[in-house]
Amino acid sequence: MDIKQDNNRFVVVKDSEELGFISYVPNGDVLTVDHTEVSPQLEGQGMGKKLVEQVVQYAWDEGKTIDPQCPFAHSVIEKTPEFQDILAK
């Protein structure tokens, strides 16, 4: 299973099949994370959290902050102390 970046999304791909994604809208120095979705066959395996971690790492690498409008991404970021500095003010 791979996670690839594609058109303002990070996508979980296995055998050429898309099994999940997290999408964001870039706006200057802020990435608005608007949706996270994982296939039922991956639920409970931590893949949603891995997708949030990918977009957080991308924001850090690019010097951007995140506005987590997606409830799942917001929850993961709020519960992860090391992610607090990524939140847009």
Protein backbone atom coordinates (compact mmCIF):
# COMPACT_ATOMS: atom_id res chain seq x y z
CA MET A 1 0.00 0.00 0.00
CA ASP A 2 1.31 3.42 -0.95
CA ILE A 3 0.29 6.98 -0.15
CA LYS A 4 0.76 9.32 -3.10
CA GLN A 5 0.24 13.04 -3.51
CA ASP A 6 -2.08 13.97 -6.36
CA ASN A 7 -4.01 17.18 -7.14
CA ASN A 8 -4.27 18.63 -3.61
CA ARG A 9 -4.86 15.19 -2.13
CA PHE A 10 -2.93 12.37 -0.55
CA VAL A 11 -4.29 9.06 -1.82
CA VAL A 12 -3.95 5.52 -0.46
CA VAL A 13 -3.35 3.18 -3.40
CA LYS A 14 -3.13 -0.62 -3.41
CA ASP A 15 -2.80 -2.53 -6.68
CA SER A 16 -3.82 0.59 -8.64
CA GLU A 17 -7.03 0.91 -6.60
CA GLU A 18 -7.76 4.08 -4.60
CA LEU A 19 -8.72 3.04 -1.06
CA GLY A 20 -8.75 6.37 0.71
CA PHE A 21 -7.75 10.01 0.54
CA ILE A 22 -7.39 13.28 2.38
CA SER A 23 -8.00 16.46 0.40
CA TYR A 24 -7.00 20.05 1.02
CA VAL A 25 -7.47 23.46 -0.53
CA PRO A 26 -4.32 25.62 -0.64
CA ASN A 27 -4.88 29.29 0.17
CA GLY A 28 -1.64 31.22 0.54
CA ASP A 29 0.17 29.85 3.59
CA VAL A 30 -2.84 27.83 4.80
CA LEU A 31 -3.99 24.38 3.71
CA THR A 32 -7.68 23.90 4.45
CA VAL A 33 -8.18 20.17 4.99
CA ASP A 34 -11.74 19.56 3.86
CA HIS A 35 -12.27 15.80 3.65
CA THR A 36 -10.83 12.46 4.73
CA GLU A 37 -12.25 9.20 3.46
CA VAL A 38 -11.10 5.60 3.88
CA SER A 39 -12.54 2.48 2.24
CA PRO A 40 -14.49 0.21 4.62
CA GLN A 41 -11.88 -2.51 4.10
CA LEU A 42 -9.23 -0.25 5.70
CA GLU A 43 -11.31 1.09 8.59
CA GLY A 44 -9.78 0.51 12.00
CA GLN A 45 -6.25 0.09 10.61
CA GLY A 46 -5.05 3.63 11.32
CA MET A 47 -4.96 4.62 7.65
CA GLY A 48 -7.00 7.80 8.23
CA LYS A 49 -4.48 8.91 10.84
CA LYS A 50 -1.63 8.15 8.42
CA LEU A 51 -3.29 10.38 5.84
CA VAL A 52 -3.54 13.22 8.37
CA GLU A 53 0.13 12.69 9.26
CA GLN A 54 1.02 12.97 5.55
CA VAL A 55 -0.74 16.30 5.10
CA VAL A 56 0.79 17.62 8.35
CA GLN A 57 4.29 16.62 7.18
CA TYR A 58 3.63 18.24 3.81
CA ALA A 59 2.53 21.47 5.51
CA TRP A 60 5.67 21.46 7.69
CA ASP A 61 7.89 20.84 4.66
CA GLU A 62 6.23 23.69 2.74
CA GLY A 63 6.17 26.13 5.68
CA LYS A 64 2.37 26.21 5.76
CA THR A 65 -0.28 25.84 8.45
CA ILE A 66 -3.49 23.80 8.45
CA ASP A 67 -7.11 24.79 8.95
CA PRO A 68 -8.74 21.40 9.64
CA GLN A 69 -12.35 21.77 8.49
CA CYS A 70 -12.70 17.98 8.21
CA PRO A 71 -13.92 16.71 11.62
CA PHE A 72 -11.69 13.62 11.47
CA ALA A 73 -8.52 15.57 10.63
CA HIS A 74 -9.41 18.15 13.30
CA SER A 75 -9.77 15.39 15.91
CA VAL A 76 -6.44 13.74 15.02
CA ILE A 77 -4.56 17.06 15.06
CA GLU A 78 -6.18 18.13 18.36
CA LYS A 79 -5.23 14.81 20.02
CA THR A 80 -1.61 14.90 18.81
CA PRO A 81 0.51 17.31 20.89
CA GLU A 82 3.33 17.53 18.32
CA PHE A 83 0.85 18.73 15.66
CA GLN A 84 -0.36 21.77 17.62
CA ASP A 85 2.12 24.13 15.95
CA ILE A 86 0.63 23.34 12.50
CA LEU A 87 -2.79 24.84 13.25
CA ALA A 88 -3.62 28.07 11.45
CA LYS A 89 -4.27 30.93 13.88
